[in-house]
Amino acid sequence: MVSVAPPGPRCPAAHPDDPTPCTGPVAVTVLDAEGAGADGCEHHGARLLASLDRGRVYALPDAPDGAAIRTFTAADGTRPFCWLDGPRIDPSQLSNAETRRARHRR
């Protein structure tokens, strides 16, 4: 699969294979379980956070009010590596919200 990047620069949290553009200013830092991280717009921050195990999100000092909680909430309903095609049946491939719903149905 060939990746086509949108025109113009994107935030550091945008995965190279994710074709979506940034949807606002760099507003959050997303950290993985080891403390490595990337700054990003809320959109790409949510996609990155959804793809991490035990990731965390923090608003940058000049971020709009609520940026971190919006990013966290969006990540909850976003599937890991959501830009990849293919069937999603393994729990690790589902969003946190989908996994919670599946547990409640049992």
N, C-alpha and C. Protein backbone atom coordinates (compact mmCIF):
# COMPACT_ATOMS: atom_id res chain seq x y z
N MET A 1 0.84 -1.18 0.00
CA MET A 1 0.00 0.00 0.00
C MET A 1 0.89 1.24 0.00
N VAL A 2 0.64 2.15 -0.90
CA VAL A 2 1.40 3.39 -0.99
C VAL A 2 0.68 4.46 -0.20
N SER A 3 1.43 5.15 0.63
CA SER A 3 0.87 6.20 1.47
C SER A 3 0.99 7.54 0.75
N VAL A 4 -0.09 8.30 0.73
CA VAL A 4 -0.07 9.62 0.12
C VAL A 4 -0.30 10.64 1.22
N ALA A 5 0.69 11.43 1.51
CA ALA A 5 0.58 12.44 2.56
C ALA A 5 -0.17 13.65 2.03
N PRO A 6 -1.00 14.27 2.87
CA PRO A 6 -1.68 15.48 2.44
C PRO A 6 -0.68 16.62 2.25
N PRO A 7 -1.07 17.63 1.45
CA PRO A 7 -0.14 18.74 1.25
C PRO A 7 0.10 19.50 2.55
N GLY A 8 1.29 20.06 2.65
CA GLY A 8 1.62 20.88 3.81
C GLY A 8 2.13 20.06 4.98
N PRO A 9 2.75 20.74 5.92
CA PRO A 9 3.29 20.04 7.08
C PRO A 9 2.18 19.58 8.02
N ARG A 10 2.47 18.50 8.74
CA ARG A 10 1.52 18.00 9.74
C ARG A 10 2.24 17.94 11.08
N CYS A 11 1.44 17.78 12.13
CA CYS A 11 2.01 17.76 13.47
C CYS A 11 2.86 16.51 13.70
N PRO A 12 3.76 16.54 14.67
CA PRO A 12 4.63 15.39 14.94
C PRO A 12 3.88 14.13 15.38
N ALA A 13 2.65 14.25 15.87
CA ALA A 13 1.89 13.07 16.30
C ALA A 13 1.25 12.33 15.13
N ALA A 14 1.22 12.92 13.95
CA ALA A 14 0.60 12.28 12.78
C ALA A 14 1.48 11.13 12.30
N HIS A 15 0.91 9.93 12.22
CA HIS A 15 1.63 8.77 11.70
C HIS A 15 1.85 8.96 10.20
N PRO A 16 3.01 8.58 9.68
CA PRO A 16 3.28 8.77 8.25
C PRO A 16 2.26 8.08 7.34
N ASP A 17 1.65 6.98 7.78
CA ASP A 17 0.68 6.27 6.95
C ASP A 17 -0.75 6.78 7.12
N ASP A 18 -0.98 7.67 8.06
CA ASP A 18 -2.31 8.23 8.29
C ASP A 18 -2.50 9.39 7.31
N PRO A 19 -3.45 9.28 6.38
CA PRO A 19 -3.59 10.31 5.35
C PRO A 19 -4.35 11.56 5.78
N THR A 20 -4.86 11.60 6.99
CA THR A 20 -5.71 12.73 7.39
C THR A 20 -4.90 13.98 7.73
N PRO A 21 -5.47 15.14 7.44
CA PRO A 21 -4.79 16.39 7.77
C PRO A 21 -4.99 16.76 9.25
N CYS A 22 -4.17 17.64 9.74
CA CYS A 22 -4.36 18.18 11.09
C CYS A 22 -5.66 18.98 11.11
N THR A 23 -6.29 19.03 12.28
CA THR A 23 -7.56 19.75 12.38
C THR A 23 -7.47 20.94 13.32
N GLY A 24 -6.28 21.38 13.59
CA GLY A 24 -6.11 22.53 14.46
C GLY A 24 -4.66 22.65 14.86
N PRO A 25 -4.39 23.54 15.79
CA PRO A 25 -3.01 23.76 16.22
C PRO A 25 -2.49 22.61 17.08
N VAL A 26 -1.19 22.53 17.20
CA VAL A 26 -0.57 21.58 18.12
C VAL A 26 -0.99 21.99 19.52
N ALA A 27 -1.68 21.09 20.22
CA ALA A 27 -2.29 21.45 21.50
C ALA A 27 -2.02 20.47 22.63
N VAL A 28 -1.59 19.24 22.29
CA VAL A 28 -1.41 18.22 23.32
C VAL A 28 -0.09 17.49 23.15
N THR A 29 0.36 16.88 24.24
CA THR A 29 1.48 15.94 24.21
C THR A 29 0.92 14.58 24.57
N VAL A 30 1.22 13.58 23.75
CA VAL A 30 0.81 12.21 24.02
C VAL A 30 2.07 11.43 24.39
N LEU A 31 2.01 10.76 25.55
CA LEU A 31 3.15 9.98 26.03
C LEU A 31 2.80 8.51 26.05
N ASP A 32 3.80 7.66 25.74
CA ASP A 32 3.59 6.22 25.85
C ASP A 32 3.92 5.79 27.28
N ALA A 33 3.84 4.49 27.55
CA ALA A 33 4.06 3.97 28.89
C ALA A 33 5.48 4.22 29.40
N GLU A 34 6.42 4.41 28.49
CA GLU A 34 7.81 4.65 28.87
C GLU A 34 8.14 6.14 29.01
N GLY A 35 7.20 6.99 28.65
CA GLY A 35 7.42 8.43 28.78
C GLY A 35 7.87 9.11 27.49
N ALA A 36 8.04 8.34 26.41
CA ALA A 36 8.36 8.96 25.12
C ALA A 36 7.08 9.55 24.55
N GLY A 37 7.20 10.66 23.85
CA GLY A 37 5.98 11.28 23.39
C GLY A 37 6.13 12.13 22.16
N ALA A 38 5.00 12.66 21.74
CA ALA A 38 4.94 13.56 20.59
C ALA A 38 3.86 14.60 20.84
N ASP A 39 4.14 15.80 20.39
CA ASP A 39 3.13 16.85 20.43
C ASP A 39 2.27 16.74 19.18
N GLY A 40 1.00 17.12 19.31
CA GLY A 40 0.15 17.03 18.14
C GLY A 40 -1.12 17.81 18.27
N CYS A 41 -1.83 17.89 17.15
CA CYS A 41 -3.17 18.47 17.16
C CYS A 41 -4.08 17.49 17.90
N GLU A 42 -5.27 17.91 18.27
CA GLU A 42 -6.18 17.03 19.00
C GLU A 42 -6.53 15.79 18.17
N HIS A 43 -6.73 15.96 16.87
CA HIS A 43 -7.10 14.85 15.98
C HIS A 43 -6.01 13.76 15.97
N HIS A 44 -4.79 14.14 15.65
CA HIS A 44 -3.72 13.15 15.58
C HIS A 44 -3.28 12.69 16.97
N GLY A 45 -3.43 13.56 17.96
CA GLY A 45 -3.16 13.13 19.33
C GLY A 45 -4.10 12.01 19.75
N ALA A 46 -5.37 12.12 19.38
CA ALA A 46 -6.35 11.08 19.71
C ALA A 46 -6.02 9.78 18.98
N ARG A 47 -5.65 9.87 17.73
CA ARG A 47 -5.31 8.67 16.96
C ARG A 47 -4.06 8.00 17.51
N LEU A 48 -3.08 8.80 17.92
CA LEU A 48 -1.88 8.23 18.52
C LEU A 48 -2.21 7.59 19.86
N LEU A 49 -2.95 8.29 20.70
CA LEU A 49 -3.32 7.77 22.01
C LEU A 49 -4.10 6.46 21.88
N ALA A 50 -5.00 6.37 20.91
CA ALA A 50 -5.78 5.15 20.70
C ALA A 50 -4.90 3.98 20.30
N SER A 51 -3.74 4.25 19.72
CA SER A 51 -2.85 3.20 19.25
C SER A 51 -1.81 2.78 20.28
N LEU A 52 -1.83 3.42 21.44
CA LEU A 52 -0.86 3.11 22.50
C LEU A 52 -1.50 2.31 23.62
N ASP A 53 -0.70 1.48 24.26
CA ASP A 53 -1.13 0.78 25.47
C ASP A 53 -0.64 1.60 26.66
N ARG A 54 -1.55 2.03 27.50
CA ARG A 54 -1.25 2.84 28.69
C ARG A 54 -0.65 4.20 28.36
N GLY A 55 -1.15 4.79 27.27
CA GLY A 55 -0.71 6.13 26.90
C GLY A 55 -1.39 7.18 27.76
N ARG A 56 -0.82 8.38 27.74
CA ARG A 56 -1.37 9.51 28.51
C ARG A 56 -1.35 10.75 27.61
N VAL A 57 -2.24 11.69 27.93
CA VAL A 57 -2.30 12.92 27.15
C VAL A 57 -2.31 14.10 28.10
N TYR A 58 -1.58 15.14 27.72
CA TYR A 58 -1.49 16.37 28.50
C TYR A 58 -1.66 17.55 27.57
N ALA A 59 -2.36 18.56 28.01
CA ALA A 59 -2.49 19.79 27.22
C ALA A 59 -1.20 20.59 27.30
N LEU A 60 -0.83 21.21 26.20
CA LEU A 60 0.30 22.12 26.20
C LEU A 60 -0.12 23.43 26.88
N PRO A 61 0.83 24.20 27.38
CA PRO A 61 0.49 25.41 28.14
C PRO A 61 -0.43 26.40 27.41
N ASP A 62 -0.29 26.52 26.10
CA ASP A 62 -1.11 27.48 25.35
C ASP A 62 -2.28 26.82 24.63
N ALA A 63 -2.62 25.60 25.01
CA ALA A 63 -3.72 24.86 24.36
C ALA A 63 -5.07 25.45 24.72
N PRO A 64 -6.04 25.30 23.83
CA PRO A 64 -7.40 25.73 24.16
C PRO A 64 -7.92 24.93 25.37
N ASP A 65 -8.79 25.54 26.15
CA ASP A 65 -9.37 24.85 27.30
C ASP A 65 -10.01 23.54 26.86
N GLY A 66 -9.75 22.47 27.62
CA GLY A 66 -10.37 21.18 27.35
C GLY A 66 -9.70 20.33 26.29
N ALA A 67 -8.54 20.77 25.77
CA ALA A 67 -7.89 20.04 24.68
C ALA A 67 -7.54 18.61 25.07
N ALA A 68 -7.00 18.42 26.26
CA ALA A 68 -6.60 17.07 26.67
C ALA A 68 -7.80 16.16 26.86
N ILE A 69 -8.87 16.66 27.47
CA ILE A 69 -10.04 15.81 27.67
C ILE A 69 -10.74 15.50 26.36
N ARG A 70 -10.77 16.45 25.42
CA ARG A 70 -11.35 16.17 24.11
C ARG A 70 -10.53 15.09 23.39
N THR A 71 -9.21 15.19 23.49
CA THR A 71 -8.33 14.21 22.86
C THR A 71 -8.53 12.83 23.49
N PHE A 72 -8.58 12.78 24.82
CA PHE A 72 -8.79 11.52 25.54
C PHE A 72 -10.13 10.90 25.16
N THR A 73 -11.18 11.71 25.12
CA THR A 73 -12.51 11.22 24.78
C THR A 73 -12.57 10.71 23.35
N ALA A 74 -11.95 11.43 22.42
CA ALA A 74 -11.93 10.98 21.03
C ALA A 74 -11.15 9.68 20.89
N ALA A 75 -10.04 9.55 21.61
CA ALA A 75 -9.24 8.33 21.55
C ALA A 75 -10.02 7.12 22.04
N ASP A 76 -10.90 7.32 23.01
CA ASP A 76 -11.69 6.22 23.56
C ASP A 76 -12.54 5.54 22.49
N GLY A 77 -13.03 6.28 21.53
CA GLY A 77 -13.87 5.73 20.48
C GLY A 77 -13.14 5.47 19.17
N THR A 78 -11.82 5.62 19.18
CA THR A 78 -11.02 5.45 17.97
C THR A 78 -10.28 4.12 18.02
N ARG A 79 -10.35 3.38 16.94
CA ARG A 79 -9.64 2.09 16.88
C ARG A 79 -8.14 2.33 16.73
N PRO A 80 -7.32 1.46 17.33
CA PRO A 80 -5.87 1.57 17.14
C PRO A 80 -5.51 1.50 15.65
N PHE A 81 -4.59 2.33 15.23
CA PHE A 81 -4.14 2.36 13.84
C PHE A 81 -5.34 2.38 12.89
N CYS A 82 -6.26 3.29 13.15
CA CYS A 82 -7.55 3.33 12.44
C CYS A 82 -7.40 3.59 10.95
N TRP A 83 -6.26 4.02 10.48
CA TRP A 83 -6.07 4.28 9.07
C TRP A 83 -5.76 3.00 8.29
N LEU A 84 -5.55 1.88 8.99
CA LEU A 84 -5.30 0.60 8.32
C LEU A 84 -6.61 -0.08 7.94
N ASP A 85 -6.63 -0.70 6.79
CA ASP A 85 -7.81 -1.44 6.34
C ASP A 85 -7.73 -2.88 6.82
N GLY A 86 -8.86 -3.54 6.76
CA GLY A 86 -8.90 -4.96 7.09
C GLY A 86 -9.87 -5.23 8.21
N PRO A 87 -10.18 -6.52 8.41
CA PRO A 87 -11.13 -6.88 9.46
C PRO A 87 -10.56 -6.58 10.85
N ARG A 88 -11.43 -6.20 11.73
CA ARG A 88 -11.05 -5.89 13.11
C ARG A 88 -11.88 -6.77 14.03
N ILE A 89 -11.32 -7.90 14.46
CA ILE A 89 -12.06 -8.81 15.32
C ILE A 89 -11.38 -9.08 16.65
N ASP A 90 -10.06 -8.93 16.69
CA ASP A 90 -9.32 -9.15 17.92
C ASP A 90 -9.56 -7.96 18.86
N PRO A 91 -9.76 -8.20 20.15
CA PRO A 91 -9.99 -7.08 21.08
C PRO A 91 -8.93 -5.98 21.02
N SER A 92 -7.69 -6.34 20.73
CA SER A 92 -6.64 -5.32 20.66
C SER A 92 -6.79 -4.42 19.44
N GLN A 93 -7.66 -4.80 18.50
CA GLN A 93 -7.88 -4.01 17.29
C GLN A 93 -9.11 -3.12 17.40
N LEU A 94 -9.82 -3.22 18.52
CA LEU A 94 -11.04 -2.44 18.71
C LEU A 94 -10.77 -1.23 19.59
N SER A 95 -11.65 -0.25 19.52
CA SER A 95 -11.51 0.91 20.40
C SER A 95 -11.81 0.50 21.83
N ASN A 96 -11.39 1.32 22.76
CA ASN A 96 -11.71 1.04 24.18
C ASN A 96 -13.21 0.99 24.39
N ALA A 97 -13.96 1.87 23.74
CA ALA A 97 -15.41 1.88 23.89
C ALA A 97 -16.02 0.59 23.34
N GLU A 98 -15.54 0.10 22.20
CA GLU A 98 -16.05 -1.15 21.64
C GLU A 98 -15.74 -2.33 22.56
N THR A 99 -14.56 -2.33 23.13
CA THR A 99 -14.17 -3.42 24.05
C THR A 99 -15.06 -3.41 25.27
N ARG A 100 -15.36 -2.23 25.83
CA ARG A 100 -16.26 -2.15 26.98
C ARG A 100 -17.66 -2.64 26.64
N ARG A 101 -18.18 -2.25 25.48
CA ARG A 101 -19.51 -2.69 25.06
C ARG A 101 -19.56 -4.21 24.90
N ALA A 102 -18.50 -4.80 24.33
CA ALA A 102 -18.46 -6.25 24.14
C ALA A 102 -18.45 -6.98 25.48
N ARG A 103 -17.75 -6.42 26.47
CA ARG A 103 -17.72 -7.03 27.81
C ARG A 103 -19.09 -6.99 28.46
N HIS A 104 -19.83 -5.93 28.25
CA HIS A 104 -21.15 -5.78 28.87
C HIS A 104 -22.19 -6.68 28.22
N ARG A 105 -21.96 -7.08 26.96
CA ARG A 105 -22.90 -7.95 26.27
C ARG A 105 -22.80 -9.41 26.72
N ARG A 106 -21.70 -9.77 27.35
CA ARG A 106 -21.51 -11.18 27.75
C ARG A 106 -22.36 -11.54 28.90
